[in-house]
């Protein structure tokens, strides 16, 4: 059984009240991993890395425009 299959099996046995916390934790860990991957990329300046990280954090918190909102602002 793969790790993914084991995780799915455990998730199916987990009470819903814990799933919210589990999802938050998974997203946190994945974002940290992605942020570290960006930091290791030597072709991107530190300033660009900071912009990317800030953009990801803003998106994760829901701070973004929908396409319709963007288009309304362009008129």
N, C-alpha and C. Protein backbone atom coordinates (compact mmCIF):
# COMPACT_ATOMS: atom_id res chain seq x y z
N UNK A 1 0.85 -1.18 0.00
CA UNK A 1 0.00 0.00 0.00
C UNK A 1 0.90 1.24 0.00
N UNK A 2 0.58 2.20 -0.87
CA UNK A 2 1.38 3.41 -0.95
C UNK A 2 1.05 4.34 0.22
N UNK A 3 1.91 5.32 0.40
CA UNK A 3 1.68 6.31 1.45
C UNK A 3 0.37 7.06 1.20
N UNK A 4 0.12 7.40 -0.05
CA UNK A 4 -1.12 8.11 -0.39
C UNK A 4 -2.34 7.27 -0.04
N UNK A 5 -2.29 5.99 -0.34
CA UNK A 5 -3.40 5.09 -0.02
C UNK A 5 -3.59 4.97 1.48
N UNK A 6 -2.49 4.92 2.22
CA UNK A 6 -2.58 4.85 3.69
C UNK A 6 -3.21 6.12 4.25
N UNK A 7 -2.79 7.27 3.70
CA UNK A 7 -3.37 8.54 4.15
C UNK A 7 -4.88 8.58 3.88
N UNK A 8 -5.27 8.17 2.70
CA UNK A 8 -6.69 8.16 2.35
C UNK A 8 -7.46 7.25 3.29
N UNK A 9 -6.90 6.10 3.58
CA UNK A 9 -7.54 5.15 4.50
C UNK A 9 -7.71 5.78 5.89
N UNK A 10 -6.68 6.44 6.37
CA UNK A 10 -6.76 7.08 7.69
C UNK A 10 -7.73 8.25 7.69
N UNK A 11 -7.76 9.01 6.61
CA UNK A 11 -8.69 10.14 6.50
C UNK A 11 -10.13 9.65 6.56
N UNK A 12 -10.40 8.55 5.91
CA UNK A 12 -11.76 8.00 5.91
C UNK A 12 -12.20 7.58 7.31
N UNK A 13 -11.26 7.27 8.19
CA UNK A 13 -11.59 6.86 9.56
C UNK A 13 -11.56 8.04 10.54
N UNK A 14 -11.20 9.23 10.06
CA UNK A 14 -11.02 10.39 10.92
C UNK A 14 -12.33 11.17 11.07
N UNK A 15 -12.68 11.56 12.30
CA UNK A 15 -13.89 12.36 12.51
C UNK A 15 -13.79 13.71 11.78
N UNK A 16 -14.92 14.20 11.29
CA UNK A 16 -14.95 15.45 10.53
C UNK A 16 -14.35 16.61 11.30
N UNK A 17 -14.55 16.64 12.59
CA UNK A 17 -14.05 17.76 13.39
C UNK A 17 -12.52 17.85 13.33
N UNK A 18 -11.86 16.73 13.16
CA UNK A 18 -10.40 16.73 13.05
C UNK A 18 -9.92 17.00 11.63
N UNK A 19 -10.78 16.78 10.65
CA UNK A 19 -10.37 16.97 9.26
C UNK A 19 -10.02 18.42 8.94
N UNK A 20 -10.72 19.38 9.55
CA UNK A 20 -10.38 20.79 9.34
C UNK A 20 -8.96 21.08 9.79
N UNK A 21 -8.62 20.59 10.97
CA UNK A 21 -7.26 20.79 11.49
C UNK A 21 -6.24 20.07 10.64
N UNK A 22 -6.57 18.89 10.20
CA UNK A 22 -5.66 18.11 9.37
C UNK A 22 -5.41 18.82 8.04
N UNK A 23 -6.45 19.35 7.44
CA UNK A 23 -6.30 20.08 6.18
C UNK A 23 -5.44 21.32 6.37
N UNK A 24 -5.70 22.08 7.43
CA UNK A 24 -4.89 23.27 7.72
C UNK A 24 -3.42 22.89 7.87
N UNK A 25 -3.16 21.82 8.59
CA UNK A 25 -1.78 21.38 8.80
C UNK A 25 -1.13 20.96 7.48
N UNK A 26 -1.85 20.21 6.67
CA UNK A 26 -1.31 19.77 5.39
C UNK A 26 -0.97 20.96 4.50
N UNK A 27 -1.86 21.93 4.43
CA UNK A 27 -1.61 23.12 3.61
C UNK A 27 -0.43 23.92 4.14
N UNK A 28 -0.31 24.02 5.46
CA UNK A 28 0.82 24.71 6.07
C UNK A 28 2.13 24.02 5.70
N UNK A 29 2.19 22.71 5.85
CA UNK A 29 3.42 21.96 5.54
C UNK A 29 3.76 22.08 4.06
N UNK A 30 2.75 21.95 3.21
CA UNK A 30 3.01 22.05 1.77
C UNK A 30 3.50 23.44 1.39
N UNK A 31 2.91 24.48 1.97
CA UNK A 31 3.37 25.85 1.68
C UNK A 31 4.80 26.06 2.13
N UNK A 32 5.14 25.53 3.31
CA UNK A 32 6.52 25.64 3.79
C UNK A 32 7.48 24.94 2.84
N UNK A 33 7.09 23.77 2.37
CA UNK A 33 7.91 23.01 1.42
C UNK A 33 8.09 23.79 0.12
N UNK A 34 6.99 24.34 -0.40
CA UNK A 34 7.06 25.11 -1.64
C UNK A 34 7.90 26.37 -1.45
N UNK A 35 7.76 27.04 -0.31
CA UNK A 35 8.55 28.23 -0.03
C UNK A 35 10.04 27.88 0.01
N UNK A 36 10.38 26.75 0.59
CA UNK A 36 11.78 26.32 0.64
C UNK A 36 12.30 25.98 -0.75
N UNK A 37 11.45 25.40 -1.59
CA UNK A 37 11.86 25.09 -2.96
C UNK A 37 12.17 26.37 -3.72
N UNK A 38 11.36 27.40 -3.51
CA UNK A 38 11.59 28.69 -4.16
C UNK A 38 12.91 29.27 -3.70
N UNK A 39 13.18 29.19 -2.41
CA UNK A 39 14.41 29.76 -1.85
C UNK A 39 15.65 29.08 -2.41
N UNK A 40 15.52 27.82 -2.78
CA UNK A 40 16.66 27.09 -3.30
C UNK A 40 16.92 27.37 -4.78
N UNK A 41 16.03 28.06 -5.44
CA UNK A 41 16.18 28.35 -6.86
C UNK A 41 17.09 29.57 -7.02
N UNK A 42 18.29 29.36 -7.52
CA UNK A 42 19.29 30.43 -7.62
C UNK A 42 19.00 31.42 -8.74
N UNK A 43 18.10 31.10 -9.66
CA UNK A 43 17.81 31.98 -10.77
C UNK A 43 16.83 33.09 -10.40
N UNK A 44 16.20 32.99 -9.26
CA UNK A 44 15.22 33.99 -8.83
C UNK A 44 15.87 34.84 -7.73
N UNK A 45 15.78 36.16 -7.89
CA UNK A 45 16.36 37.05 -6.89
C UNK A 45 15.59 36.93 -5.57
N UNK A 46 16.21 37.38 -4.51
CA UNK A 46 15.57 37.35 -3.19
C UNK A 46 14.29 38.19 -3.21
N UNK A 47 14.35 39.33 -3.88
CA UNK A 47 13.16 40.19 -3.97
C UNK A 47 12.01 39.46 -4.68
N UNK A 48 12.33 38.76 -5.78
CA UNK A 48 11.31 38.01 -6.50
C UNK A 48 10.76 36.87 -5.64
N UNK A 49 11.64 36.21 -4.89
CA UNK A 49 11.21 35.13 -3.99
C UNK A 49 10.23 35.66 -2.96
N UNK A 50 10.53 36.83 -2.39
CA UNK A 50 9.65 37.42 -1.38
C UNK A 50 8.29 37.77 -1.98
N UNK A 51 8.28 38.26 -3.21
CA UNK A 51 7.02 38.60 -3.88
C UNK A 51 6.19 37.33 -4.12
N UNK A 52 6.86 36.26 -4.56
CA UNK A 52 6.16 35.00 -4.80
C UNK A 52 5.56 34.46 -3.51
N UNK A 53 6.34 34.47 -2.44
CA UNK A 53 5.87 33.96 -1.15
C UNK A 53 4.69 34.80 -0.65
N UNK A 54 4.81 36.13 -0.76
CA UNK A 54 3.73 37.01 -0.31
C UNK A 54 2.46 36.77 -1.14
N UNK A 55 2.63 36.56 -2.44
CA UNK A 55 1.49 36.29 -3.31
C UNK A 55 0.79 34.99 -2.94
N UNK A 56 1.58 33.96 -2.67
CA UNK A 56 1.00 32.67 -2.27
C UNK A 56 0.25 32.79 -0.96
N UNK A 57 0.82 33.54 -0.02
CA UNK A 57 0.17 33.70 1.28
C UNK A 57 -1.12 34.50 1.14
N UNK A 58 -1.10 35.54 0.30
CA UNK A 58 -2.31 36.34 0.08
C UNK A 58 -3.39 35.49 -0.58
N UNK A 59 -3.01 34.68 -1.56
CA UNK A 59 -3.97 33.82 -2.23
C UNK A 59 -4.56 32.81 -1.25
N UNK A 60 -3.70 32.20 -0.42
CA UNK A 60 -4.16 31.20 0.54
C UNK A 60 -5.15 31.80 1.54
N UNK A 61 -4.98 33.10 1.84
CA UNK A 61 -5.88 33.75 2.80
C UNK A 61 -7.14 34.30 2.12
N UNK A 62 -7.25 34.11 0.80
CA UNK A 62 -8.44 34.57 0.09
C UNK A 62 -8.35 36.00 -0.40
N UNK A 63 -7.15 36.59 -0.35
CA UNK A 63 -6.96 37.97 -0.77
C UNK A 63 -6.61 38.02 -2.26
N UNK A 64 -7.64 37.94 -3.09
CA UNK A 64 -7.44 37.99 -4.53
C UNK A 64 -8.73 38.43 -5.21
N UNK A 65 -8.61 38.89 -6.45
CA UNK A 65 -9.77 39.27 -7.24
C UNK A 65 -10.20 38.12 -8.12
N UNK A 66 -11.49 37.98 -8.31
CA UNK A 66 -11.97 37.03 -9.31
C UNK A 66 -11.77 37.68 -10.67
N UNK A 67 -11.89 36.90 -11.73
CA UNK A 67 -11.74 37.44 -13.08
C UNK A 67 -12.78 38.52 -13.33
N UNK A 68 -14.01 38.29 -12.89
CA UNK A 68 -15.07 39.29 -13.08
C UNK A 68 -14.74 40.59 -12.35
N UNK A 69 -14.25 40.50 -11.12
CA UNK A 69 -13.88 41.70 -10.37
C UNK A 69 -12.75 42.46 -11.06
N UNK A 70 -11.80 41.72 -11.60
CA UNK A 70 -10.68 42.34 -12.31
C UNK A 70 -11.19 43.08 -13.55
N UNK A 71 -12.05 42.41 -14.32
CA UNK A 71 -12.56 43.01 -15.56
C UNK A 71 -13.38 44.25 -15.29
N UNK A 72 -14.16 44.26 -14.21
CA UNK A 72 -14.95 45.44 -13.85
C UNK A 72 -14.02 46.62 -13.57
N UNK A 73 -12.90 46.35 -12.93
CA UNK A 73 -11.93 47.40 -12.61
C UNK A 73 -11.19 47.93 -13.82
N UNK A 74 -11.22 47.22 -14.94
CA UNK A 74 -10.51 47.63 -16.15
C UNK A 74 -11.32 48.58 -17.02
N UNK A 75 -12.61 48.73 -16.70
CA UNK A 75 -13.49 49.57 -17.52
C UNK A 75 -13.25 51.02 -17.25
